[in-house]
């Protein structure tokens, strides 16, 4: 009974210290929305550049794609919160979510999620049929394959979840060039392979939380050493991928290789780390900077390619 009273007190405290806007942004996972929009825009931008089309002459496509992508990502994130209502209270890092504090009722969350997803798809289909279809694929991959199926059942849940995270650049590219060129699939592969070491680092930091919630994340099931080996293997797979974007020039290839080498060096150091959680935090921060720098550099190099 004491645990129940403590949880209620914490929940009440959260409702008093967060604003509606903060709760809303938490519900749609605004950080995930923003990071995914970077990859959507990169796909869109490269497709414009490689097809010799100017985005200023097709601003409607840009607006439809960015707004539509933001809505489906936010809606899918809200749907994930709705699905995880039973396990989030067991994880201390999730205790401030409005679905846990009670600021948003489950029915309201579901309604908002579905509304955002439908509106987002309207925008994406306005950009191109292919963009709309890839949007649906991303939603199904995240909501059904990851949130509803693999997350609670399989240690490979992170890899399954990486499918949805790799689709945003395809949405951006498909809005301009529905057929998708080799560059689009290069972006997909980079995002797909980047995600396991990124999320394994986060999972290491939250191992006890995932264990309490009975979520079979790799560090929980296989331990830290096995997780480090897996992270190292995924990072090695990143090395040849910049070669698929040769059209961006030698400068991009050098930068991408340096970023890969830096991440590899940090991953190798993990096997002698005295503090695994501190090392995992460094890996997580590096992965965020890696993704941001790499995709922003693609946008810049594409202008001069």
Protein backbone atom coordinates (compact mmCIF):
# COMPACT_ATOMS: atom_id res chain seq x y z
CA UNK A 1 0.00 0.00 0.00
CA UNK A 2 2.84 2.39 0.75
CA UNK A 3 4.16 2.04 -2.82
CA UNK A 4 0.74 2.94 -4.18
CA UNK A 5 0.54 6.08 -2.06
CA UNK A 6 4.05 7.06 -3.10
CA UNK A 7 3.23 6.65 -6.75
CA UNK A 8 0.05 8.72 -6.38
CA UNK A 9 1.98 11.45 -4.63
CA UNK A 10 4.57 11.49 -7.38
CA UNK A 11 1.89 11.59 -10.04
CA UNK A 12 0.16 14.46 -8.27
CA UNK A 13 3.43 16.33 -8.00
CA UNK A 14 3.99 15.92 -11.73
CA UNK A 15 0.54 17.30 -12.55
CA UNK A 16 1.35 20.38 -10.50
CA UNK A 17 4.78 21.02 -11.99
CA UNK A 18 4.13 20.49 -15.71
CA UNK A 19 2.18 22.68 -18.10
CA UNK A 20 -0.26 21.47 -20.72
CA UNK A 21 2.28 22.26 -23.44
CA UNK A 22 4.99 20.25 -21.67
CA UNK A 23 2.61 17.32 -21.30
CA UNK A 24 1.57 17.53 -24.94
CA UNK A 25 5.18 17.64 -26.17
CA UNK A 26 5.99 14.67 -23.93
CA UNK A 27 3.02 12.77 -25.28
CA UNK A 28 4.10 13.15 -28.91
CA UNK A 29 7.80 12.65 -28.02
CA UNK A 30 8.90 15.92 -29.57
CA UNK A 31 12.58 14.93 -29.50
CA UNK A 32 11.87 11.91 -31.68
CA UNK A 33 9.70 14.02 -33.98
CA UNK A 34 12.47 16.60 -34.46
CA UNK A 35 15.25 14.07 -35.05
CA UNK A 36 13.17 12.14 -37.57
CA UNK A 37 12.26 15.33 -39.43
CA UNK A 38 15.97 15.90 -40.03
CA UNK A 39 16.14 12.60 -41.91
CA UNK A 40 12.87 13.31 -43.76
CA UNK A 41 14.22 16.64 -44.95
CA UNK A 42 17.54 15.08 -45.92
CA UNK A 43 15.79 12.54 -48.14
CA UNK A 44 13.65 15.29 -49.64
CA UNK A 45 16.63 17.57 -50.21
CA UNK A 46 18.86 14.94 -51.80
CA UNK A 47 16.03 13.88 -54.11
CA UNK A 48 15.62 17.49 -55.25
CA UNK A 49 19.36 17.92 -55.76
CA UNK A 50 19.96 14.63 -57.57
CA UNK A 51 16.97 15.15 -59.89
CA UNK A 52 18.02 18.73 -60.74
CA UNK A 53 14.77 20.16 -59.43
CA UNK A 54 14.54 23.29 -57.27
CA UNK A 55 12.60 23.10 -54.03
CA UNK A 56 11.59 26.77 -54.25
CA UNK A 57 9.53 25.89 -57.31
CA UNK A 58 7.85 23.04 -55.45
CA UNK A 59 7.37 24.41 -51.96
CA UNK A 60 4.00 22.70 -51.74
CA UNK A 61 5.69 19.30 -51.82
CA UNK A 62 8.13 20.38 -49.12
CA UNK A 63 5.35 21.67 -46.84
CA UNK A 64 3.09 18.64 -47.39
CA UNK A 65 5.95 16.27 -46.65
CA UNK A 66 7.32 17.97 -43.54
CA UNK A 67 3.91 18.64 -41.99
CA UNK A 68 2.61 15.18 -42.89
CA UNK A 69 5.70 13.45 -41.54
CA UNK A 70 5.59 15.46 -38.30
CA UNK A 71 1.95 14.50 -37.78
CA UNK A 72 2.34 10.75 -38.39
CA UNK A 73 5.47 10.56 -36.24
CA UNK A 74 3.77 12.48 -33.42
CA UNK A 75 0.63 10.37 -33.79
CA UNK A 76 2.60 7.12 -33.76
CA UNK A 77 4.52 8.27 -30.66
CA UNK A 78 1.25 9.08 -28.90
CA UNK A 79 -0.07 5.66 -29.91
CA UNK A 80 3.04 4.10 -28.37
CA UNK A 81 2.28 5.94 -25.12
CA UNK A 82 -1.28 4.64 -25.28
CA UNK A 83 -0.09 1.06 -25.78
CA UNK A 84 2.50 1.30 -22.98
CA UNK A 85 0.13 2.72 -20.35
CA UNK A 86 0.50 -0.45 -18.27
CA UNK A 87 4.31 -0.64 -18.24
CA UNK A 88 5.38 3.04 -18.17
CA UNK A 89 4.51 3.42 -14.44
CA UNK A 90 7.09 0.70 -13.72
CA UNK A 91 9.91 2.73 -15.30
CA UNK A 92 11.22 5.76 -13.43
CA UNK A 93 12.32 7.50 -16.64
CA UNK A 94 8.73 7.37 -17.93
CA UNK A 95 6.98 8.54 -14.76
CA UNK A 96 6.52 12.10 -16.05
CA UNK A 97 4.58 11.01 -19.12
CA UNK A 98 1.06 12.49 -19.04
CA UNK A 99 -0.39 9.01 -19.55
CA UNK A 100 1.27 8.04 -16.25
CA UNK A 101 0.48 11.19 -14.28
CA UNK A 102 -3.12 11.09 -15.45
CA UNK A 103 -3.08 14.48 -17.16
CA UNK A 104 -4.17 12.81 -20.43
CA UNK A 105 -6.85 10.14 -20.35
CA UNK A 106 -6.22 7.04 -22.51
CA UNK A 107 -9.28 7.77 -24.66
CA UNK A 108 -8.01 11.29 -25.37
CA UNK A 109 -4.55 9.97 -26.23
CA UNK A 110 -6.01 7.42 -28.65
CA UNK A 111 -8.22 10.05 -30.30
CA UNK A 112 -5.31 12.46 -30.68
CA UNK A 113 -3.01 9.75 -32.06
CA UNK A 114 -5.51 8.60 -34.68
CA UNK A 115 -6.37 12.17 -35.67
CA UNK A 116 -2.71 13.08 -36.16
CA UNK A 117 -2.04 9.91 -38.16
CA UNK A 118 -5.02 10.44 -40.49
CA UNK A 119 -4.23 14.13 -41.03
CA UNK A 120 -0.58 13.32 -41.59
CA UNK A 121 -1.43 10.76 -44.23
CA UNK A 122 -3.65 13.28 -46.02
CA UNK A 123 -0.67 15.63 -46.26
CA UNK A 124 1.71 12.88 -47.39
CA UNK A 125 -0.63 11.61 -50.08
CA UNK A 126 -0.94 15.24 -51.23
CA UNK A 127 2.83 15.21 -51.76
CA UNK A 128 2.81 11.87 -53.62
CA UNK A 129 1.12 8.50 -53.43
CA UNK A 130 4.49 6.88 -52.72
CA UNK A 131 5.13 9.21 -49.76
CA UNK A 132 1.73 8.33 -48.33
CA UNK A 133 2.34 4.61 -48.73
CA UNK A 134 5.76 4.81 -47.09
CA UNK A 135 4.14 6.77 -44.29
CA UNK A 136 1.67 3.94 -43.72
CA UNK A 137 4.56 1.46 -43.76
CA UNK A 138 6.35 3.48 -41.08
CA UNK A 139 3.26 3.68 -38.89
CA UNK A 140 2.60 -0.05 -39.11
CA UNK A 141 6.25 -0.86 -38.45
CA UNK A 142 6.37 1.28 -35.30
CA UNK A 143 2.91 0.77 -33.86
CA UNK A 144 2.24 -2.86 -34.82
CA UNK A 145 5.58 -4.60 -35.43
CA UNK A 146 7.45 -2.84 -32.63
CA UNK A 147 5.07 -1.46 -29.99
CA UNK A 148 2.37 -4.14 -30.10
CA UNK A 149 4.38 -7.22 -31.08
CA UNK A 150 8.15 -7.40 -30.64
CA UNK A 151 8.83 -4.97 -27.78
CA UNK A 152 7.44 -7.24 -25.06
CA UNK A 153 8.23 -10.59 -26.65
CA UNK A 154 11.60 -10.67 -28.40
CA UNK A 155 15.15 -9.61 -27.61
CA UNK A 156 15.38 -8.52 -31.25
CA UNK A 157 12.79 -5.79 -30.57
CA UNK A 158 15.35 -3.02 -31.13
CA UNK A 159 16.20 -4.34 -34.58
CA UNK A 160 12.52 -4.63 -35.47
CA UNK A 161 11.99 -1.07 -34.23
CA UNK A 162 14.84 0.11 -36.44
CA UNK A 163 12.71 -0.56 -39.51
CA UNK A 164 10.30 2.23 -38.66
CA UNK A 165 13.13 4.59 -37.74
CA UNK A 166 14.76 4.07 -41.14
CA UNK A 167 11.64 4.88 -43.17
CA UNK A 168 11.45 8.70 -42.69
CA UNK A 169 14.17 9.50 -45.28
CA UNK A 170 12.33 7.25 -47.74
CA UNK A 171 9.17 9.30 -47.16
CA UNK A 172 11.07 12.50 -47.95
CA UNK A 173 12.69 11.03 -51.04
CA UNK A 174 9.46 9.45 -52.32
CA UNK A 175 7.69 12.80 -52.14
CA UNK A 176 10.01 14.03 -54.89
CA UNK A 177 11.06 10.82 -56.68
CA UNK A 178 8.52 8.03 -56.02
CA UNK A 179 10.70 5.38 -57.65
CA UNK A 180 13.44 5.85 -55.01
CA UNK A 181 17.03 5.90 -56.18
CA UNK A 182 20.10 4.19 -54.70
CA UNK A 183 20.68 7.25 -52.53
CA UNK A 184 17.34 6.74 -50.82
CA UNK A 185 18.21 3.18 -49.89
CA UNK A 186 21.62 4.34 -48.66
CA UNK A 187 19.84 6.67 -46.23
CA UNK A 188 17.55 3.82 -45.18
CA UNK A 189 20.51 1.52 -44.47
CA UNK A 190 22.41 4.20 -42.54
CA UNK A 191 19.41 4.89 -40.33
CA UNK A 192 18.62 1.20 -39.88
CA UNK A 193 22.16 0.28 -38.83
CA UNK A 194 22.67 3.41 -36.70
CA UNK A 195 19.73 2.63 -34.43
CA UNK A 196 20.77 -0.60 -32.63
CA UNK A 197 23.98 0.81 -31.09
CA UNK A 198 22.13 4.06 -30.32
CA UNK A 199 19.27 2.37 -28.50
CA UNK A 200 21.42 -0.34 -26.89
CA UNK A 201 23.36 2.44 -25.19
CA UNK A 202 20.10 3.86 -23.86
CA UNK A 203 18.91 0.39 -22.85
CA UNK A 204 22.10 -0.16 -20.84
CA UNK A 205 21.40 3.03 -18.90
CA UNK A 206 17.85 1.83 -18.20
CA UNK A 207 18.50 -1.88 -17.75
CA UNK A 208 16.91 -2.12 -14.31
CA UNK A 209 13.85 -0.21 -15.49
CA UNK A 210 13.35 -2.54 -18.43
CA UNK A 211 13.88 -5.53 -16.14
CA UNK A 212 11.22 -4.22 -13.75
CA UNK A 213 8.81 -3.78 -16.67
CA UNK A 214 9.70 -7.25 -18.03
CA UNK A 215 10.85 -5.86 -21.38
CA UNK A 216 13.41 -8.23 -22.99
CA UNK A 217 15.96 -5.63 -24.08
CA UNK A 218 19.37 -7.02 -25.05
CA UNK A 219 21.23 -5.81 -21.91
CA UNK A 220 18.52 -7.37 -19.72
CA UNK A 221 18.54 -10.76 -21.45
CA UNK A 222 22.16 -11.12 -22.59
CA UNK A 223 24.08 -8.78 -20.29
CA UNK A 224 26.38 -5.81 -20.90
CA UNK A 225 29.32 -7.65 -22.51
CA UNK A 226 27.11 -9.23 -25.16
CA UNK A 227 25.47 -5.85 -25.75
CA UNK A 228 28.87 -4.20 -26.27
CA UNK A 229 29.83 -6.84 -28.83
CA UNK A 230 26.59 -6.29 -30.70
CA UNK A 231 27.09 -2.51 -30.69
CA UNK A 232 30.59 -2.95 -32.08
CA UNK A 233 29.32 -5.18 -34.89
CA UNK A 234 26.61 -2.72 -35.93
CA UNK A 235 29.06 0.18 -35.96
CA UNK A 236 31.42 -1.79 -38.22
CA UNK A 237 28.55 -2.25 -40.67
CA UNK A 238 28.33 1.53 -41.04
CA UNK A 239 31.79 1.88 -42.59
CA UNK A 240 31.02 0.93 -46.23
CA UNK A 241 27.71 2.82 -46.40
CA UNK A 242 29.11 6.29 -47.23
CA UNK A 243 30.41 4.75 -50.48
CA UNK A 244 26.78 4.45 -51.58
CA UNK A 245 26.63 8.25 -51.52
CA UNK A 246 29.66 8.92 -53.70
CA UNK A 247 27.70 11.66 -55.49
CA UNK A 248 28.10 13.84 -52.40
CA UNK A 249 31.85 14.02 -53.02
CA UNK A 250 35.10 13.12 -51.30
CA UNK A 251 34.58 15.61 -48.50
CA UNK A 252 31.48 13.78 -47.33
CA UNK A 253 33.21 10.40 -47.54
CA UNK A 254 36.07 11.64 -45.37
CA UNK A 255 33.73 13.20 -42.79
CA UNK A 256 31.51 10.12 -42.60
CA UNK A 257 34.54 7.84 -42.22
CA UNK A 258 35.94 10.00 -39.42
CA UNK A 259 32.58 9.90 -37.63
CA UNK A 260 32.50 6.11 -37.99
CA UNK A 261 36.08 5.79 -36.76
CA UNK A 262 35.33 7.94 -33.71
CA UNK A 263 32.32 5.82 -32.80
CA UNK A 264 34.30 2.61 -33.36
CA UNK A 265 37.09 3.85 -31.09
CA UNK A 266 34.59 4.66 -28.35
CA UNK A 267 32.92 1.26 -28.77
CA UNK A 268 36.24 -0.58 -28.42
CA UNK A 269 37.05 1.38 -25.28
CA UNK A 270 33.85 0.06 -23.78
CA UNK A 271 35.37 -3.39 -23.26
CA UNK A 272 37.79 -1.90 -20.72
CA UNK A 273 35.42 0.63 -19.22
CA UNK A 274 35.42 0.74 -15.43
CA UNK A 275 31.95 2.32 -15.35
CA UNK A 276 29.66 0.71 -17.92
CA UNK A 277 26.81 3.15 -17.40
CA UNK A 278 29.06 6.17 -17.80
CA UNK A 279 30.46 4.66 -21.01
CA UNK A 280 26.93 3.93 -22.25
CA UNK A 281 26.01 7.58 -21.71
CA UNK A 282 29.00 8.66 -23.82
CA UNK A 283 27.98 6.23 -26.55
CA UNK A 284 24.42 7.56 -26.50
CA UNK A 285 25.53 11.19 -26.73
CA UNK A 286 27.99 10.36 -29.53
CA UNK A 287 25.27 8.57 -31.47
CA UNK A 288 23.00 11.62 -31.32
CA UNK A 289 25.78 13.92 -32.51
CA UNK A 290 26.75 11.38 -35.17
CA UNK A 291 23.28 11.29 -36.70
CA UNK A 292 22.83 15.06 -36.60
CA UNK A 293 26.25 15.89 -38.07
CA UNK A 294 26.04 13.19 -40.74
CA UNK A 295 22.61 14.14 -42.06
CA UNK A 296 23.19 17.90 -41.89
CA UNK A 297 26.46 17.39 -43.77
CA UNK A 298 24.58 15.47 -46.47
CA UNK A 299 22.35 18.50 -46.99
CA UNK A 300 25.37 20.83 -47.21
CA UNK A 301 27.50 18.63 -49.47
CA UNK A 302 24.55 18.01 -51.79
CA UNK A 303 24.48 21.75 -52.62
CA UNK A 304 28.04 21.60 -53.92
CA UNK A 305 27.92 18.12 -55.45
